[in-house]
Amino acid sequence: MRVLGIDPGSRITGYGLVEQVGNRLVHVDNGAIFTDKATDFSGRLKLIFDGLSAVISEYSPDEVAVENIFFSTNVQSALKLGQARGAAIVAAVHAGLPVAEYTALQVKLAVVGRGRAEKGQVQQMLKALLGLPEIAQADASDALAVAVCHVNSHGLAQKTGPAPAKRATSWRNFKP
């Protein structure tokens, strides 16, 4: 299974490709899409979509994993990040690929074993796990971590079966 991990950002969107070969994780590629050359925000979203579409076309991943939005006190930043995530997700869906989403806590837990691990710990663990000659650029490293998280989560789901379905609740049944 080949997974494209994406760390979306309105200025820099990181990507990382990891392939599971038996019980091993193999680094395929990583990089970043820099959108600062766009004259407006919609141009940045187009660069993200086009850049990830090119990565998908070149490497033919089986699945895509995207980092979920973290809580932000700056509403404008959160909205822009959400739009960048949307451009990334649309690129994957446009290519017919399934998309999974993971929080930063889930990613850190899957890679390091601690949900509150620091960025440097995650980067060092990725270097060791994937046999990288050096630590990848920050956004690319985050994207690789998302891909590793997905491979680990996918393998766990295959061993234990799908997560139990959550019951839908109606707001009428809500009791504080």
N, C-alpha and C. Protein backbone atom coordinates (compact mmCIF):
# COMPACT_ATOMS: atom_id res chain seq x y z
N MET A 1 0.85 -1.18 0.00
CA MET A 1 0.00 0.00 0.00
C MET A 1 0.89 1.24 0.00
N ARG A 2 0.61 2.16 -0.90
CA ARG A 2 1.34 3.43 -0.98
C ARG A 2 0.39 4.55 -0.51
N VAL A 3 0.88 5.34 0.45
CA VAL A 3 0.05 6.39 1.05
C VAL A 3 0.70 7.75 0.83
N LEU A 4 -0.11 8.70 0.41
CA LEU A 4 0.29 10.09 0.32
C LEU A 4 -0.21 10.80 1.56
N GLY A 5 0.70 11.29 2.38
CA GLY A 5 0.35 12.09 3.54
C GLY A 5 0.43 13.55 3.17
N ILE A 6 -0.51 14.34 3.69
CA ILE A 6 -0.54 15.77 3.37
C ILE A 6 -0.66 16.58 4.65
N ASP A 7 0.22 17.58 4.77
CA ASP A 7 0.15 18.56 5.85
C ASP A 7 -0.25 19.88 5.18
N PRO A 8 -1.56 20.19 5.16
CA PRO A 8 -2.00 21.35 4.41
C PRO A 8 -1.66 22.67 5.10
N GLY A 9 -1.38 23.66 4.30
CA GLY A 9 -1.13 25.00 4.80
C GLY A 9 -1.38 25.98 3.67
N SER A 10 -1.80 27.19 4.01
CA SER A 10 -2.11 28.15 2.97
C SER A 10 -0.84 28.75 2.35
N ARG A 11 0.30 28.66 3.05
CA ARG A 11 1.57 29.16 2.51
C ARG A 11 2.47 28.01 2.05
N ILE A 12 2.50 26.94 2.84
CA ILE A 12 3.30 25.76 2.51
C ILE A 12 2.46 24.52 2.78
N THR A 13 2.32 23.68 1.78
CA THR A 13 1.63 22.40 1.95
C THR A 13 2.68 21.30 1.78
N GLY A 14 2.87 20.53 2.84
CA GLY A 14 3.84 19.45 2.78
C GLY A 14 3.19 18.17 2.28
N TYR A 15 4.00 17.35 1.61
CA TYR A 15 3.52 16.03 1.19
C TYR A 15 4.62 15.00 1.45
N GLY A 16 4.19 13.78 1.73
CA GLY A 16 5.13 12.69 1.95
C GLY A 16 4.50 11.39 1.50
N LEU A 17 5.29 10.58 0.81
CA LEU A 17 4.81 9.29 0.33
C LEU A 17 5.56 8.17 1.01
N VAL A 18 4.79 7.23 1.53
CA VAL A 18 5.34 6.08 2.23
C VAL A 18 4.67 4.84 1.66
N GLU A 19 5.46 3.79 1.49
CA GLU A 19 4.91 2.53 1.00
C GLU A 19 5.14 1.45 2.04
N GLN A 20 4.11 0.66 2.26
CA GLN A 20 4.24 -0.48 3.16
C GLN A 20 4.60 -1.69 2.32
N VAL A 21 5.77 -2.27 2.63
CA VAL A 21 6.24 -3.46 1.93
C VAL A 21 6.42 -4.53 3.00
N GLY A 22 5.46 -5.44 3.08
CA GLY A 22 5.47 -6.41 4.17
C GLY A 22 5.29 -5.68 5.49
N ASN A 23 6.22 -5.88 6.41
CA ASN A 23 6.16 -5.19 7.70
C ASN A 23 7.01 -3.93 7.72
N ARG A 24 7.61 -3.59 6.59
CA ARG A 24 8.50 -2.42 6.53
C ARG A 24 7.80 -1.22 5.94
N LEU A 25 8.25 -0.05 6.37
CA LEU A 25 7.82 1.21 5.77
C LEU A 25 8.97 1.72 4.91
N VAL A 26 8.66 2.08 3.67
CA VAL A 26 9.68 2.55 2.75
C VAL A 26 9.34 3.98 2.34
N HIS A 27 10.32 4.86 2.48
CA HIS A 27 10.17 6.25 2.05
C HIS A 27 10.20 6.30 0.53
N VAL A 28 9.21 6.94 -0.07
CA VAL A 28 9.14 7.07 -1.52
C VAL A 28 9.59 8.48 -1.94
N ASP A 29 9.00 9.50 -1.35
CA ASP A 29 9.37 10.88 -1.66
C ASP A 29 8.71 11.80 -0.65
N ASN A 30 9.20 13.02 -0.59
CA ASN A 30 8.56 14.06 0.21
C ASN A 30 8.94 15.41 -0.35
N GLY A 31 8.17 16.40 -0.01
CA GLY A 31 8.45 17.74 -0.48
C GLY A 31 7.40 18.71 0.00
N ALA A 32 7.42 19.90 -0.58
CA ALA A 32 6.46 20.93 -0.18
C ALA A 32 6.06 21.75 -1.39
N ILE A 33 4.84 22.24 -1.33
CA ILE A 33 4.31 23.13 -2.35
C ILE A 33 4.27 24.52 -1.73
N PHE A 34 5.05 25.42 -2.28
CA PHE A 34 5.13 26.79 -1.77
C PHE A 34 4.21 27.66 -2.61
N THR A 35 3.29 28.36 -1.96
CA THR A 35 2.27 29.12 -2.68
C THR A 35 2.49 30.62 -2.63
N ASP A 36 3.64 31.08 -2.17
CA ASP A 36 3.86 32.51 -2.01
C ASP A 36 3.96 33.27 -3.33
N LYS A 37 4.05 32.56 -4.45
CA LYS A 37 4.13 33.23 -5.75
C LYS A 37 2.75 33.62 -6.28
N ALA A 38 1.70 33.11 -5.65
CA ALA A 38 0.35 33.44 -6.09
C ALA A 38 0.02 34.87 -5.71
N THR A 39 -0.71 35.55 -6.57
CA THR A 39 -1.05 36.95 -6.30
C THR A 39 -2.25 37.10 -5.37
N ASP A 40 -3.09 36.08 -5.29
CA ASP A 40 -4.24 36.15 -4.40
C ASP A 40 -4.48 34.78 -3.76
N PHE A 41 -5.40 34.73 -2.79
CA PHE A 41 -5.61 33.50 -2.05
C PHE A 41 -6.18 32.39 -2.92
N SER A 42 -7.07 32.73 -3.83
CA SER A 42 -7.63 31.69 -4.71
C SER A 42 -6.52 31.09 -5.59
N GLY A 43 -5.54 31.91 -5.95
CA GLY A 43 -4.38 31.41 -6.69
C GLY A 43 -3.57 30.43 -5.87
N ARG A 44 -3.47 30.68 -4.56
CA ARG A 44 -2.77 29.73 -3.67
C ARG A 44 -3.48 28.39 -3.64
N LEU A 45 -4.81 28.44 -3.55
CA LEU A 45 -5.58 27.19 -3.52
C LEU A 45 -5.38 26.41 -4.82
N LYS A 46 -5.32 27.12 -5.93
CA LYS A 46 -5.08 26.46 -7.22
C LYS A 46 -3.70 25.82 -7.25
N LEU A 47 -2.68 26.50 -6.72
CA LEU A 47 -1.34 25.93 -6.67
C LEU A 47 -1.32 24.65 -5.82
N ILE A 48 -2.05 24.65 -4.70
CA ILE A 48 -2.12 23.46 -3.85
C ILE A 48 -2.77 22.31 -4.63
N PHE A 49 -3.92 22.60 -5.24
CA PHE A 49 -4.64 21.57 -6.01
C PHE A 49 -3.77 21.04 -7.15
N ASP A 50 -3.19 21.94 -7.94
CA ASP A 50 -2.38 21.53 -9.08
C ASP A 50 -1.13 20.77 -8.64
N GLY A 51 -0.48 21.25 -7.59
CA GLY A 51 0.74 20.59 -7.09
C GLY A 51 0.46 19.19 -6.59
N LEU A 52 -0.59 19.04 -5.81
CA LEU A 52 -0.92 17.70 -5.29
C LEU A 52 -1.44 16.79 -6.39
N SER A 53 -2.15 17.36 -7.35
CA SER A 53 -2.61 16.55 -8.50
C SER A 53 -1.40 16.00 -9.26
N ALA A 54 -0.36 16.80 -9.40
CA ALA A 54 0.85 16.35 -10.10
C ALA A 54 1.55 15.26 -9.30
N VAL A 55 1.61 15.40 -7.97
CA VAL A 55 2.22 14.37 -7.12
C VAL A 55 1.44 13.07 -7.23
N ILE A 56 0.12 13.17 -7.19
CA ILE A 56 -0.74 11.98 -7.30
C ILE A 56 -0.53 11.31 -8.66
N SER A 57 -0.47 12.09 -9.71
CA SER A 57 -0.26 11.55 -11.05
C SER A 57 1.10 10.85 -11.18
N GLU A 58 2.13 11.46 -10.59
CA GLU A 58 3.47 10.89 -10.70
C GLU A 58 3.66 9.62 -9.87
N TYR A 59 3.11 9.58 -8.65
CA TYR A 59 3.41 8.47 -7.74
C TYR A 59 2.28 7.46 -7.55
N SER A 60 1.10 7.74 -8.05
CA SER A 60 -0.04 6.82 -7.98
C SER A 60 -0.25 6.20 -6.60
N PRO A 61 -0.51 7.01 -5.58
CA PRO A 61 -0.77 6.44 -4.26
C PRO A 61 -2.10 5.67 -4.26
N ASP A 62 -2.23 4.75 -3.30
CA ASP A 62 -3.47 3.99 -3.14
C ASP A 62 -4.47 4.73 -2.27
N GLU A 63 -3.94 5.48 -1.31
CA GLU A 63 -4.79 6.21 -0.36
C GLU A 63 -4.11 7.51 0.02
N VAL A 64 -4.92 8.43 0.56
CA VAL A 64 -4.42 9.73 0.98
C VAL A 64 -4.83 9.97 2.43
N ALA A 65 -3.91 10.52 3.20
CA ALA A 65 -4.18 10.88 4.60
C ALA A 65 -3.85 12.35 4.78
N VAL A 66 -4.75 13.08 5.43
CA VAL A 66 -4.60 14.52 5.60
C VAL A 66 -4.66 14.85 7.08
N GLU A 67 -3.79 15.77 7.50
CA GLU A 67 -3.84 16.22 8.89
C GLU A 67 -5.06 17.11 9.08
N ASN A 68 -5.76 16.87 10.16
CA ASN A 68 -6.96 17.61 10.49
C ASN A 68 -6.61 18.95 11.11
N ILE A 69 -7.54 19.87 11.06
CA ILE A 69 -7.33 21.21 11.62
C ILE A 69 -7.24 21.13 13.13
N PHE A 70 -6.28 21.87 13.66
CA PHE A 70 -6.18 22.02 15.10
C PHE A 70 -6.96 23.26 15.49
N PHE A 71 -7.26 23.39 16.76
CA PHE A 71 -7.97 24.57 17.24
C PHE A 71 -7.09 25.79 17.10
N SER A 72 -7.66 26.86 16.61
CA SER A 72 -6.90 28.09 16.43
C SER A 72 -7.68 29.25 17.03
N THR A 73 -6.97 30.15 17.68
CA THR A 73 -7.63 31.33 18.24
C THR A 73 -7.84 32.40 17.17
N ASN A 74 -7.10 32.30 16.05
CA ASN A 74 -7.23 33.25 14.96
C ASN A 74 -8.20 32.67 13.93
N VAL A 75 -9.38 33.23 13.86
CA VAL A 75 -10.43 32.72 12.99
C VAL A 75 -10.02 32.78 11.51
N GLN A 76 -9.40 33.88 11.09
CA GLN A 76 -8.98 34.02 9.70
C GLN A 76 -7.99 32.93 9.31
N SER A 77 -7.03 32.66 10.20
CA SER A 77 -6.04 31.60 9.92
C SER A 77 -6.71 30.24 9.82
N ALA A 78 -7.65 29.98 10.72
CA ALA A 78 -8.36 28.70 10.70
C ALA A 78 -9.16 28.53 9.41
N LEU A 79 -9.79 29.60 8.95
CA LEU A 79 -10.56 29.53 7.71
C LEU A 79 -9.65 29.27 6.52
N LYS A 80 -8.52 29.95 6.46
CA LYS A 80 -7.59 29.74 5.36
C LYS A 80 -7.03 28.32 5.38
N LEU A 81 -6.71 27.82 6.57
CA LEU A 81 -6.21 26.45 6.68
C LEU A 81 -7.27 25.46 6.23
N GLY A 82 -8.52 25.73 6.59
CA GLY A 82 -9.62 24.86 6.16
C GLY A 82 -9.77 24.84 4.65
N GLN A 83 -9.59 25.98 4.02
CA GLN A 83 -9.69 26.05 2.57
C GLN A 83 -8.52 25.32 1.91
N ALA A 84 -7.33 25.43 2.50
CA ALA A 84 -6.17 24.70 1.97
C ALA A 84 -6.40 23.20 2.09
N ARG A 85 -6.95 22.78 3.22
CA ARG A 85 -7.28 21.36 3.41
C ARG A 85 -8.28 20.92 2.34
N GLY A 86 -9.28 21.78 2.08
CA GLY A 86 -10.28 21.47 1.07
C GLY A 86 -9.66 21.27 -0.31
N ALA A 87 -8.72 22.13 -0.67
CA ALA A 87 -8.05 22.00 -1.97
C ALA A 87 -7.28 20.67 -2.03
N ALA A 88 -6.64 20.30 -0.92
CA ALA A 88 -5.89 19.04 -0.87
C ALA A 88 -6.84 17.84 -0.99
N ILE A 89 -7.93 17.89 -0.26
CA ILE A 89 -8.89 16.78 -0.28
C ILE A 89 -9.52 16.64 -1.66
N VAL A 90 -9.86 17.77 -2.27
CA VAL A 90 -10.47 17.72 -3.61
C VAL A 90 -9.49 17.13 -4.63
N ALA A 91 -8.20 17.44 -4.51
CA ALA A 91 -7.21 16.85 -5.42
C ALA A 91 -7.22 15.33 -5.31
N ALA A 92 -7.30 14.83 -4.08
CA ALA A 92 -7.33 13.38 -3.87
C ALA A 92 -8.62 12.76 -4.38
N VAL A 93 -9.74 13.36 -4.03
CA VAL A 93 -11.04 12.83 -4.44
C VAL A 93 -11.19 12.91 -5.96
N HIS A 94 -10.69 13.98 -6.55
CA HIS A 94 -10.73 14.14 -8.01
C HIS A 94 -9.98 12.99 -8.71
N ALA A 95 -8.95 12.48 -8.04
CA ALA A 95 -8.18 11.36 -8.59
C ALA A 95 -8.80 10.01 -8.22
N GLY A 96 -9.93 10.03 -7.51
CA GLY A 96 -10.62 8.80 -7.15
C GLY A 96 -10.01 8.07 -5.97
N LEU A 97 -9.28 8.78 -5.13
CA LEU A 97 -8.60 8.15 -3.99
C LEU A 97 -9.38 8.32 -2.69
N PRO A 98 -9.36 7.30 -1.84
CA PRO A 98 -9.97 7.45 -0.52
C PRO A 98 -9.12 8.37 0.35
N VAL A 99 -9.79 9.14 1.20
CA VAL A 99 -9.11 10.12 2.06
C VAL A 99 -9.44 9.82 3.52
N ALA A 100 -8.39 9.79 4.34
CA ALA A 100 -8.55 9.64 5.79
C ALA A 100 -8.00 10.90 6.44
N GLU A 101 -8.53 11.25 7.60
CA GLU A 101 -8.10 12.44 8.31
C GLU A 101 -7.67 12.07 9.73
N TYR A 102 -6.58 12.70 10.17
CA TYR A 102 -6.04 12.42 11.49
C TYR A 102 -5.68 13.72 12.19
N THR A 103 -5.90 13.75 13.48
CA THR A 103 -5.50 14.91 14.27
C THR A 103 -4.00 14.83 14.56
N ALA A 104 -3.42 15.94 14.94
CA ALA A 104 -2.00 15.96 15.30
C ALA A 104 -1.73 15.01 16.46
N LEU A 105 -2.65 14.91 17.40
CA LEU A 105 -2.50 14.00 18.53
C LEU A 105 -2.43 12.55 18.06
N GLN A 106 -3.30 12.17 17.13
CA GLN A 106 -3.30 10.81 16.60
C GLN A 106 -1.99 10.52 15.85
N VAL A 107 -1.52 11.50 15.09
CA VAL A 107 -0.29 11.32 14.32
C VAL A 107 0.89 11.10 15.25
N LYS A 108 1.04 11.96 16.25
CA LYS A 108 2.15 11.84 17.19
C LYS A 108 2.09 10.51 17.95
N LEU A 109 0.91 10.11 18.35
CA LEU A 109 0.74 8.84 19.06
C LEU A 109 1.15 7.66 18.18
N ALA A 110 0.78 7.70 16.90
CA ALA A 110 1.09 6.60 15.98
C ALA A 110 2.58 6.54 15.64
N VAL A 111 3.25 7.68 15.59
CA VAL A 111 4.65 7.71 15.17
C VAL A 111 5.60 7.55 16.35
N VAL A 112 5.33 8.27 17.43
CA VAL A 112 6.25 8.29 18.58
C VAL A 112 5.76 7.44 19.74
N GLY A 113 4.44 7.26 19.84
CA GLY A 113 3.89 6.52 20.97
C GLY A 113 3.41 7.44 22.08
N ARG A 114 3.57 8.75 21.87
CA ARG A 114 3.10 9.76 22.83
C ARG A 114 2.36 10.84 22.06
N GLY A 115 1.13 11.11 22.45
CA GLY A 115 0.33 12.12 21.77
C GLY A 115 0.83 13.54 21.99
N ARG A 116 1.62 13.74 23.02
CA ARG A 116 2.14 15.09 23.31
C ARG A 116 3.62 15.22 22.94
N ALA A 117 4.09 14.37 22.04
CA ALA A 117 5.49 14.42 21.62
C ALA A 117 5.78 15.74 20.93
N GLU A 118 7.03 16.17 21.04
CA GLU A 118 7.44 17.41 20.39
C GLU A 118 7.81 17.13 18.93
N LYS A 119 7.76 18.19 18.13
CA LYS A 119 8.03 18.07 16.69
C LYS A 119 9.39 17.41 16.42
N GLY A 120 10.39 17.78 17.19
CA GLY A 120 11.73 17.21 17.01
C GLY A 120 11.75 15.71 17.25
N GLN A 121 10.96 15.23 18.22
CA GLN A 121 10.89 13.80 18.50
C GLN A 121 10.25 13.07 17.32
N VAL A 122 9.21 13.66 16.76
CA VAL A 122 8.53 13.05 15.62
C VAL A 122 9.50 12.98 14.43
N GLN A 123 10.23 14.05 14.19
CA GLN A 123 11.17 14.09 13.07
C GLN A 123 12.28 13.05 13.25
N GLN A 124 12.81 12.92 14.45
CA GLN A 124 13.86 11.92 14.71
C GLN A 124 13.33 10.50 14.52
N MET A 125 12.11 10.25 14.98
CA MET A 125 11.52 8.92 14.82
C MET A 125 11.28 8.61 13.35
N LEU A 126 10.82 9.59 12.57
CA LEU A 126 10.63 9.38 11.13
C LEU A 126 11.95 9.06 10.44
N LYS A 127 12.99 9.78 10.82
CA LYS A 127 14.31 9.55 10.24
C LYS A 127 14.73 8.10 10.49
N ALA A 128 14.50 7.62 11.71
CA ALA A 128 14.86 6.24 12.05
C ALA A 128 13.95 5.22 11.37
N LEU A 129 12.64 5.44 11.42
CA LEU A 129 11.68 4.50 10.85
C LEU A 129 11.85 4.33 9.34
N LEU A 130 12.10 5.46 8.66
CA LEU A 130 12.15 5.43 7.20
C LEU A 130 13.56 5.38 6.64
N GLY A 131 14.56 5.37 7.52
CA GLY A 131 15.95 5.33 7.08
C GLY A 131 16.35 6.55 6.27
N LEU A 132 15.84 7.73 6.66
CA LEU A 132 16.15 8.95 5.93
C LEU A 132 17.58 9.40 6.23
N PRO A 133 18.29 9.92 5.24
CA PRO A 133 19.66 10.38 5.49
C PRO A 133 19.69 11.64 6.35
N GLU A 134 18.60 12.42 6.32
CA GLU A 134 18.51 13.62 7.14
C GLU A 134 17.04 13.88 7.43
N ILE A 135 16.79 14.78 8.37
CA ILE A 135 15.42 15.14 8.71
C ILE A 135 14.84 15.95 7.55
N ALA A 136 13.64 15.60 7.15
CA ALA A 136 12.98 16.28 6.04
C ALA A 136 12.56 17.69 6.45
N GLN A 137 12.32 18.54 5.44
CA GLN A 137 11.79 19.88 5.68
C GLN A 137 10.57 19.75 6.59
N ALA A 138 10.31 20.75 7.44
CA ALA A 138 9.30 20.65 8.50
C ALA A 138 7.92 20.21 8.00
N ASP A 139 7.40 20.86 6.96
CA ASP A 139 6.07 20.51 6.47
C ASP A 139 6.05 19.14 5.79
N ALA A 140 7.12 18.81 5.09
CA ALA A 140 7.24 17.48 4.48
C ALA A 140 7.34 16.41 5.55
N SER A 141 8.05 16.71 6.62
CA SER A 141 8.18 15.78 7.73
C SER A 141 6.82 15.52 8.39
N ASP A 142 6.04 16.58 8.57
CA ASP A 142 4.70 16.43 9.13
C ASP A 142 3.84 15.56 8.22
N ALA A 143 3.97 15.75 6.91
CA ALA A 143 3.20 14.96 5.95
C ALA A 143 3.61 13.49 5.99
N LEU A 144 4.91 13.23 6.10
CA LEU A 144 5.39 11.84 6.23
C LEU A 144 4.80 11.20 7.48
N ALA A 145 4.73 11.98 8.56
CA ALA A 145 4.17 11.45 9.81
C ALA A 145 2.70 11.08 9.64
N VAL A 146 1.96 11.89 8.89
CA VAL A 146 0.54 11.59 8.63
C VAL A 146 0.43 10.30 7.82
N ALA A 147 1.31 10.12 6.84
CA ALA A 147 1.29 8.89 6.03
C ALA A 147 1.61 7.67 6.89
N VAL A 148 2.62 7.78 7.75
CA VAL A 148 2.98 6.67 8.65
C VAL A 148 1.82 6.36 9.58
N CYS A 149 1.18 7.39 10.11
CA CYS A 149 0.01 7.20 10.97
C CYS A 149 -1.07 6.41 10.25
N HIS A 150 -1.31 6.76 8.99
CA HIS A 150 -2.35 6.06 8.24
C HIS A 150 -1.99 4.60 8.00
N VAL A 151 -0.76 4.34 7.64
CA VAL A 151 -0.34 2.95 7.43
C VAL A 151 -0.53 2.16 8.72
N ASN A 152 -0.11 2.72 9.84
CA ASN A 152 -0.25 2.04 11.13
C ASN A 152 -1.72 1.85 11.50
N SER A 153 -2.53 2.87 11.28
CA SER A 153 -3.96 2.79 11.61
C SER A 153 -4.67 1.82 10.69
N HIS A 154 -4.31 1.81 9.42
CA HIS A 154 -4.91 0.89 8.45
C HIS A 154 -4.60 -0.55 8.83
N GLY A 155 -3.36 -0.81 9.20
CA GLY A 155 -2.97 -2.16 9.61
C GLY A 155 -3.69 -2.61 10.85
N LEU A 156 -3.88 -1.70 11.80
CA LEU A 156 -4.60 -2.02 13.03
C LEU A 156 -6.06 -2.32 12.73
N ALA A 157 -6.66 -1.53 11.84
CA ALA A 157 -8.07 -1.75 11.50
C ALA A 157 -8.26 -3.10 10.81
N GLN A 158 -7.27 -3.52 10.02
CA GLN A 158 -7.38 -4.82 9.35
C GLN A 158 -7.29 -5.95 10.36
N LYS A 159 -6.48 -5.78 11.41
CA LYS A 159 -6.32 -6.82 12.42
C LYS A 159 -7.50 -6.90 13.37
N THR A 160 -8.08 -5.74 13.72
CA THR A 160 -9.13 -5.72 14.73
C THR A 160 -10.52 -5.56 14.16
N GLY A 161 -10.62 -5.24 12.88
CA GLY A 161 -11.92 -5.01 12.27
C GLY A 161 -12.27 -3.54 12.36
N PRO A 162 -13.30 -3.13 11.66
CA PRO A 162 -13.67 -1.72 11.64
C PRO A 162 -14.14 -1.24 13.01
N ALA A 163 -13.99 0.05 13.24
CA ALA A 163 -14.46 0.64 14.50
C ALA A 163 -15.97 0.52 14.55
N PRO A 164 -16.52 0.33 15.76
CA PRO A 164 -17.98 0.23 15.85
C PRO A 164 -18.63 1.53 15.38
N ALA A 165 -19.75 1.39 14.71
CA ALA A 165 -20.46 2.56 14.21
C ALA A 165 -20.98 3.40 15.36
N LYS A 166 -20.89 4.70 15.20
CA LYS A 166 -21.43 5.60 16.22
C LYS A 166 -22.89 5.82 15.92
N ARG A 167 -23.69 5.82 16.97
CA ARG A 167 -25.11 6.07 16.78
C ARG A 167 -25.33 7.54 16.49
N ALA A 168 -26.12 7.79 15.50
CA ALA A 168 -26.47 9.17 15.21
C ALA A 168 -27.44 9.66 16.27
N THR A 169 -27.23 10.84 16.73
CA THR A 169 -28.14 11.41 17.73
C THR A 169 -28.79 12.64 17.15
N SER A 170 -29.98 12.84 17.51
CA SER A 170 -30.72 14.00 17.08
C SER A 170 -30.56 15.09 18.12
N TRP A 171 -30.57 16.32 17.70
CA TRP A 171 -30.46 17.43 18.66
C TRP A 171 -31.66 17.43 19.59
N ARG A 172 -32.76 16.83 19.16
CA ARG A 172 -33.97 16.77 20.03
C ARG A 172 -33.73 15.86 21.23
N ASN A 173 -32.80 14.89 21.09
CA ASN A 173 -32.53 13.97 22.17
C ASN A 173 -31.40 14.45 23.08
N PHE A 174 -30.85 15.61 22.77
CA PHE A 174 -29.72 16.13 23.53
C PHE A 174 -30.16 16.56 24.92
N LYS A 175 -29.44 16.06 25.92
CA LYS A 175 -29.71 16.46 27.31
C LYS A 175 -28.39 16.90 27.92
N PRO A 176 -28.29 18.18 28.28
CA PRO A 176 -27.02 18.67 28.84
C PRO A 176 -26.70 18.08 30.19
